Amino acid sequence: MAENMVLDWMKFSSSVSGEAAEKENYLKVIRGEEPDWVPLYFDACDWVFTGFMLDYVNKERKFDIFNVEWEIHEAGKMPKPNRRLLEDVTKWRDFVNFPDTSKIDWEQMAAEALKIHDPNKAMGYRTDGCGGNFFIPLMNMMGFEEGLCALLEEPEAVDELFEAVTVLTEEAMRHLIPIYKPDVVIIDDDMASATNLFISLETFRARFRPFYQRLIDVAKEFELPVELHMCGCCEKVIPDFVEMGVNIWQPAQVMNDLKGIKARYGNRLVLNGGWDSQGKAGMPGASQETVRQSARTAIDQFAEGGGYVFWDLSPVGQSEDMQKKIAWLEDEARTYGRKYYHKEK
């Protein structure tokens, strides 16, 4: 499976191999210390996954464990349009393709993943792989309209599905964490648009929080920090996740009150991100100076005192415009970030 784990569609923004100093500097941030320079995320860290969560990137297999059919393109992966959907959430057991874990060789699975891990980089173990842990898989299985309705109309069935996902994920974590020895455990769900959550805070707390808490608790059993991946305007749930034990939040996009969040939590919650992908620098044809200034702006706004990792959320695509933009961002973030903590006060 190793060749299938080399995800050619996952265009991480960093173009450099790891250096031990980058890893240690990044880990200083995670520990709440002021680093020597502002880390660039993928210069300092890469990811490993639970193997069966990523089988669908195999060109011969397009279905994930939730029986969602995917298409993989240059710019990323997306559920296939007009795919078969789960129409009745109470019948989820007949729909999913969960593996028989008694037949999994966990050591072999980990060995395949570790072949593409750079040992000079910190390791983030992503517990998802199908777009998210809970919310996105449900939406992918049913479509947004029916998935959102199911949360309100069939809460017991949704809880049963999430319970099964949690048990499967807990088992994988307990097998793989001792083998991987990751530096960070990552939980993942995109349950927000650019303006608000897709669900109410009450629904989050009733349907999702208990299951996330269990995954976080497993990470804490191994004394590992937990990183939340959640795009969009999701600041309403950030206090809940901090209370639950989350230490890092990516990609910390600017439609949230990042300054207020940093003021409230300080280095207790590391902000990984902060680049304005929807601003002028993110637009096609943005000038080099506009792009470079956007990197400096993010660092100036969020890096003071530590608790910040620069990440541009890995712009995707192979156009000449995009490749130049990535190169400018990387270069400016490295150059400016290297000097940031050594400027004259």
Foldseek 3Di string as FASTA:
>chain_A
DLVLLPQQLQQALDPDAEALLLQVQVVCLLVLAAGLFFHAVVNAEDEFEQQLLRPCSPPVHQAHQQRFGWDADNNGIDGDPPDDADADLLCSVVRGNDDDVVPDPLLVRLVSRVVPGRVSHAYEYELHRNQFQQQVSLCSRHPDVSSVVCLVPPVVSSLVVSVVSLVSSLVSCVSHCVVNVGQEYEGEDAQAAQAGGVDDPVSCVVRPLVSVLSVLVSCVVVPHAYEYEYDHAYVVCVVVVLVSGHQEYPPQEDSYPLLVVCVVQPSSYAHHHQQHCPDQLVDQPRDLVVLLVSLVVSCVRPQPRRSYHHYPPRRGDDDPRVVVSSVSNVVSNVVCRSCVVVDDD
